[in-house]
Amino acid sequence: MDLREITVPGNESRNDPASPAVAMLAPGAQRGVVIIHESFGRQPEIDRVVEKFAAAGYAAIAPDLFHRGRLSCMVSVVRSARTGEDTAPVRQAHRARSWLCEHAQLQPARVGLIGFCFGGLFVLTAGRGWGAVSTNYGEIPKAETMHGMGPVIGCYGGRDRSMRGKPDRLRRRLAKVGSAPPEIHEYPDAGHSFLTDGHHPIARVATWPLYHLGHDAPSAADAWPKILAFFERNL
């Protein structure tokens, strides 16, 4: 079982080019997960998330949504969050799921979607039709964008001022469109990006008063088993 660079086929009719990703397929995997990176983009800590899921028996893939440009992708995702529009990054995640289903012989209903930071917003924006969704310290899209959403788990750090009130907002907006209440976990000692173990010292200093950005090992050690158990129940 090796972590490998792969290319996810594109769709010429939609002007969607082939795109890079990293994948790791556990032998005999019965479940899969598509992993959406933070605003830092494809980083070593995201590769380690792929490895974490594979070690837990999953077929896992992490597409590089920024391969055609960070700004254009983020603008497209924010537009999707507001309008529900089907944009290129959303379609890229769907194609990553199709690649996973083909190569691991999985049904789409057995594939979950997890995202961090920027990816936390993305997975709520694109999560309709997925088996289960894990959003982590991300913004919340309009309620109508999340209509038809399946099971959701969310994790937030109590020291992350940018996320204050977001768990309650997620609950209200999902309730507005008739979705089941999300499973929410809040960690008072954690800040932004506490689940991934990346090293971003400049971003940490620049955003410290607002985000308290950085890995928090005790909080992550509690949260990851909850996320894995959630996927096991719902996929």
Protein backbone atom coordinates (compact mmCIF):
# COMPACT_ATOMS: atom_id res chain seq x y z
CA MET A 1 0.00 0.00 0.00
CA ASP A 2 1.75 3.13 -1.25
CA LEU A 3 0.88 6.79 -1.44
CA ARG A 4 0.91 7.64 -5.11
CA GLU A 5 0.48 10.59 -7.40
CA ILE A 6 -2.34 10.06 -9.87
CA THR A 7 -4.19 12.01 -12.53
CA VAL A 8 -7.96 12.23 -12.40
CA PRO A 9 -9.46 12.33 -15.93
CA GLY A 10 -11.14 15.54 -17.01
CA ASN A 11 -14.30 16.27 -18.95
CA GLU A 12 -13.69 18.09 -22.22
CA SER A 13 -17.39 18.84 -22.73
CA ARG A 14 -17.36 20.94 -19.54
CA ASN A 15 -13.92 22.45 -20.17
CA ASP A 16 -12.67 20.59 -17.10
CA PRO A 17 -9.08 19.40 -17.62
CA ALA A 18 -7.48 16.37 -16.05
CA SER A 19 -6.24 17.18 -12.57
CA PRO A 20 -3.59 15.91 -10.14
CA ALA A 21 -4.32 14.10 -6.90
CA VAL A 22 -2.67 11.81 -4.38
CA ALA A 23 -4.29 8.50 -3.45
CA MET A 24 -3.79 5.50 -1.21
CA LEU A 25 -6.03 2.46 -1.42
CA ALA A 26 -6.18 0.07 1.52
CA PRO A 27 -6.46 -3.54 0.31
CA GLY A 28 -10.07 -4.70 0.41
CA ALA A 29 -11.37 -1.26 1.39
CA GLN A 30 -15.14 -1.18 1.97
CA ARG A 31 -15.32 2.60 2.34
CA GLY A 32 -13.72 5.58 0.67
CA VAL A 33 -13.07 9.24 1.38
CA VAL A 34 -12.26 12.31 -0.69
CA ILE A 35 -10.08 14.75 1.26
CA ILE A 36 -10.19 18.49 0.55
CA HIS A 37 -7.17 20.54 1.52
CA GLU A 38 -6.91 23.81 3.42
CA SER A 39 -6.31 27.25 1.93
CA PHE A 40 -2.59 26.34 1.96
CA GLY A 41 -3.34 23.91 -0.86
CA ARG A 42 -1.80 20.50 -1.34
CA GLN A 43 0.68 20.15 1.54
CA PRO A 44 2.50 17.25 3.27
CA GLU A 45 0.00 17.30 6.13
CA ILE A 46 -2.79 16.49 3.66
CA ASP A 47 -0.77 13.53 2.39
CA ARG A 48 -0.61 12.37 6.01
CA VAL A 49 -4.41 12.61 6.26
CA VAL A 50 -4.63 10.34 3.20
CA GLU A 51 -2.28 7.92 4.95
CA LYS A 52 -4.33 8.10 8.16
CA PHE A 53 -7.49 7.06 6.37
CA ALA A 54 -5.72 4.32 4.43
CA ALA A 55 -4.29 2.95 7.68
CA ALA A 56 -7.88 2.81 8.98
CA GLY A 57 -8.89 0.67 5.99
CA TYR A 58 -10.17 3.32 3.57
CA ALA A 59 -9.57 4.04 -0.07
CA ALA A 60 -8.54 7.70 0.09
CA ILE A 61 -7.86 10.43 -2.45
CA ALA A 62 -6.93 14.10 -2.09
CA PRO A 63 -7.45 16.16 -5.27
CA ASP A 64 -5.45 19.35 -5.79
CA LEU A 65 -8.22 21.88 -6.27
CA PHE A 66 -5.73 24.71 -6.80
CA HIS A 67 -4.03 23.15 -9.82
CA ARG A 68 -5.46 25.85 -12.11
CA GLY A 69 -4.93 28.66 -9.61
CA ARG A 70 -5.70 29.30 -5.96
CA LEU A 71 -7.66 32.52 -6.38
CA SER A 72 -9.91 31.33 -9.20
CA CYS A 73 -10.75 28.16 -7.27
CA MET A 74 -11.58 30.02 -4.07
CA VAL A 75 -13.76 32.53 -5.94
CA SER A 76 -15.62 29.67 -7.63
CA VAL A 77 -16.23 27.88 -4.32
CA VAL A 78 -17.49 31.05 -2.62
CA ARG A 79 -19.85 31.56 -5.57
CA SER A 80 -21.09 27.98 -5.24
CA ALA A 81 -21.62 28.48 -1.49
CA ARG A 82 -23.85 31.48 -2.18
CA THR A 83 -25.75 30.19 -5.19
CA GLY A 84 -25.49 26.41 -5.21
CA GLU A 85 -24.02 26.67 -8.71
CA ASP A 86 -22.17 23.64 -10.08
CA THR A 87 -18.65 25.00 -10.58
CA ALA A 88 -15.42 23.39 -11.77
CA PRO A 89 -13.99 22.62 -8.28
CA VAL A 90 -17.20 20.85 -7.28
CA ARG A 91 -17.09 18.77 -10.43
CA GLN A 92 -13.42 17.98 -9.75
CA ALA A 93 -14.36 16.48 -6.37
CA HIS A 94 -17.04 14.38 -8.05
CA ARG A 95 -14.52 13.10 -10.59
CA ALA A 96 -12.13 12.23 -7.74
CA ARG A 97 -14.92 10.18 -6.20
CA SER A 98 -15.54 8.46 -9.55
CA TRP A 99 -11.84 7.59 -9.80
CA LEU A 100 -11.93 6.16 -6.28
CA CYS A 101 -15.06 4.11 -6.97
CA GLU A 102 -13.57 2.68 -10.15
CA HIS A 103 -10.18 1.76 -8.68
CA ALA A 104 -11.40 0.54 -5.29
CA GLN A 105 -14.66 -0.98 -6.61
CA LEU A 106 -16.87 1.09 -4.31
CA GLN A 107 -20.39 2.42 -4.64
CA PRO A 108 -20.67 6.23 -4.40
CA ALA A 109 -22.83 5.91 -1.27
CA ARG A 110 -19.82 4.33 0.50
CA VAL A 111 -17.63 7.40 -0.10
CA GLY A 112 -17.42 10.30 2.36
CA LEU A 113 -16.12 13.85 1.98
CA ILE A 114 -13.88 15.63 4.50
CA GLY A 115 -12.39 19.12 4.38
CA PHE A 116 -10.37 21.51 6.50
CA CYS A 117 -10.51 25.34 6.60
CA PHE A 118 -11.25 26.28 2.95
CA GLY A 119 -12.12 22.60 2.55
CA GLY A 120 -14.56 22.85 5.46
CA LEU A 121 -16.62 25.34 3.44
CA PHE A 122 -16.14 23.29 0.28
CA VAL A 123 -17.53 20.05 1.68
CA LEU A 124 -20.72 21.75 2.90
CA THR A 125 -21.06 23.45 -0.48
CA ALA A 126 -20.52 20.25 -2.49
CA GLY A 127 -21.80 17.67 0.00
CA ARG A 128 -25.23 16.85 -1.40
CA GLY A 129 -25.28 13.26 -2.61
CA TRP A 130 -22.27 12.12 -0.56
CA GLY A 131 -22.51 9.30 1.95
CA ALA A 132 -21.28 11.45 4.85
CA VAL A 133 -19.57 14.83 5.28
CA SER A 134 -16.94 16.00 7.79
CA THR A 135 -16.48 19.78 7.94
CA ASN A 136 -13.70 21.20 10.05
CA TYR A 137 -13.37 24.89 10.97
CA GLY A 138 -14.88 26.12 7.72
CA GLU A 139 -17.37 28.84 6.78
CA ILE A 140 -21.04 27.93 6.41
CA PRO A 141 -22.80 28.20 3.00
CA LYS A 142 -26.34 29.41 2.48
CA ALA A 143 -28.98 27.02 3.78
CA GLU A 144 -30.38 26.37 0.32
CA THR A 145 -26.97 25.24 -0.92
CA MET A 146 -27.04 22.46 1.69
CA HIS A 147 -30.55 21.22 0.83
CA GLY A 148 -30.49 17.43 0.61
CA MET A 149 -27.32 17.09 2.70
CA GLY A 150 -26.75 13.73 4.37
CA PRO A 151 -25.08 13.14 7.75
CA VAL A 152 -22.64 15.86 8.86
CA ILE A 153 -19.98 16.02 11.57
CA GLY A 154 -18.21 19.28 12.41
CA CYS A 155 -15.14 20.04 14.56
CA TYR A 156 -14.19 23.52 15.79
CA GLY A 157 -11.52 25.05 18.02
CA GLY A 158 -12.64 27.28 20.86
CA ARG A 159 -9.64 29.62 20.46
CA ASP A 160 -10.42 30.19 16.77
CA ARG A 161 -12.24 33.52 16.85
CA SER A 162 -13.04 33.33 13.14
CA MET A 163 -15.34 30.38 13.85
CA ARG A 164 -17.30 31.83 16.76
CA GLY A 165 -20.98 31.11 16.30
CA LYS A 166 -20.38 28.86 13.27
CA PRO A 167 -21.50 25.59 14.93
CA ASP A 168 -24.87 27.14 15.85
CA ARG A 169 -25.16 28.65 12.38
CA LEU A 170 -24.57 25.24 10.84
CA ARG A 171 -27.25 23.70 13.05
CA ARG A 172 -29.78 26.42 12.15
CA ARG A 173 -29.15 26.30 8.42
CA LEU A 174 -29.31 22.53 8.19
CA ALA A 175 -32.54 22.57 10.22
CA LYS A 176 -33.97 25.18 7.85
CA VAL A 177 -33.65 22.77 4.90
CA GLY A 178 -34.85 19.73 6.85
CA SER A 179 -31.51 17.98 7.29
CA ALA A 180 -30.67 15.94 10.37
CA PRO A 181 -28.88 17.80 13.18
CA PRO A 182 -25.10 17.69 12.69
CA GLU A 183 -22.76 16.01 15.16
CA ILE A 184 -20.69 18.91 16.52
CA HIS A 185 -17.51 18.77 18.60
CA GLU A 186 -15.87 21.90 20.03
CA TYR A 187 -12.41 21.93 21.60
CA PRO A 188 -11.77 24.87 23.94
CA ASP A 189 -7.96 24.61 23.86
CA ALA A 190 -7.65 24.37 20.06
CA GLY A 191 -7.39 27.01 17.37
CA HIS A 192 -7.69 26.92 13.60
CA SER A 193 -6.14 23.97 11.72
CA PHE A 194 -5.80 21.93 14.90
CA LEU A 195 -6.53 18.61 13.17
CA THR A 196 -3.67 18.73 10.67
CA ASP A 197 -0.01 18.84 11.64
CA GLY A 198 1.36 21.29 9.09
CA HIS A 199 4.11 23.80 9.78
CA HIS A 200 3.17 27.32 8.64
CA PRO A 201 5.06 29.73 10.91
CA ILE A 202 4.46 32.89 8.87
CA ALA A 203 0.71 32.28 8.66
CA ARG A 204 0.67 31.40 12.36
CA VAL A 205 2.25 34.70 13.37
CA ALA A 206 0.26 36.79 10.89
CA THR A 207 -3.11 35.42 12.00
CA TRP A 208 -2.39 34.65 15.64
CA PRO A 209 -4.83 37.03 17.41
CA LEU A 210 -7.75 35.79 15.30
CA TYR A 211 -7.04 32.15 14.43
CA HIS A 212 -4.53 30.81 16.99
CA LEU A 213 -3.53 28.61 14.07
CA GLY A 214 -1.74 25.35 14.66
CA HIS A 215 -1.94 21.66 15.42
CA ASP A 216 -3.25 20.80 18.88
CA ALA A 217 -2.29 17.20 19.59
CA PRO A 218 -4.64 16.47 22.54
CA SER A 219 -7.69 17.88 20.74
CA ALA A 220 -6.79 16.11 17.50
CA ALA A 221 -6.29 12.84 19.36
CA ASP A 222 -9.87 13.11 20.64
CA ALA A 223 -11.42 14.35 17.39
CA TRP A 224 -9.96 11.89 14.88
CA PRO A 225 -11.51 8.75 16.41
CA LYS A 226 -14.87 10.55 16.45
CA ILE A 227 -14.56 11.40 12.75
CA LEU A 228 -13.57 7.85 11.84
CA ALA A 229 -16.41 6.39 13.92
CA PHE A 230 -18.85 8.78 12.23
CA PHE A 231 -17.77 7.61 8.78
CA GLU A 232 -17.92 3.97 9.84
CA ARG A 233 -21.53 4.42 11.01
CA ASN A 234 -22.70 6.26 7.92
CA LEU A 235 -20.79 4.81 4.97
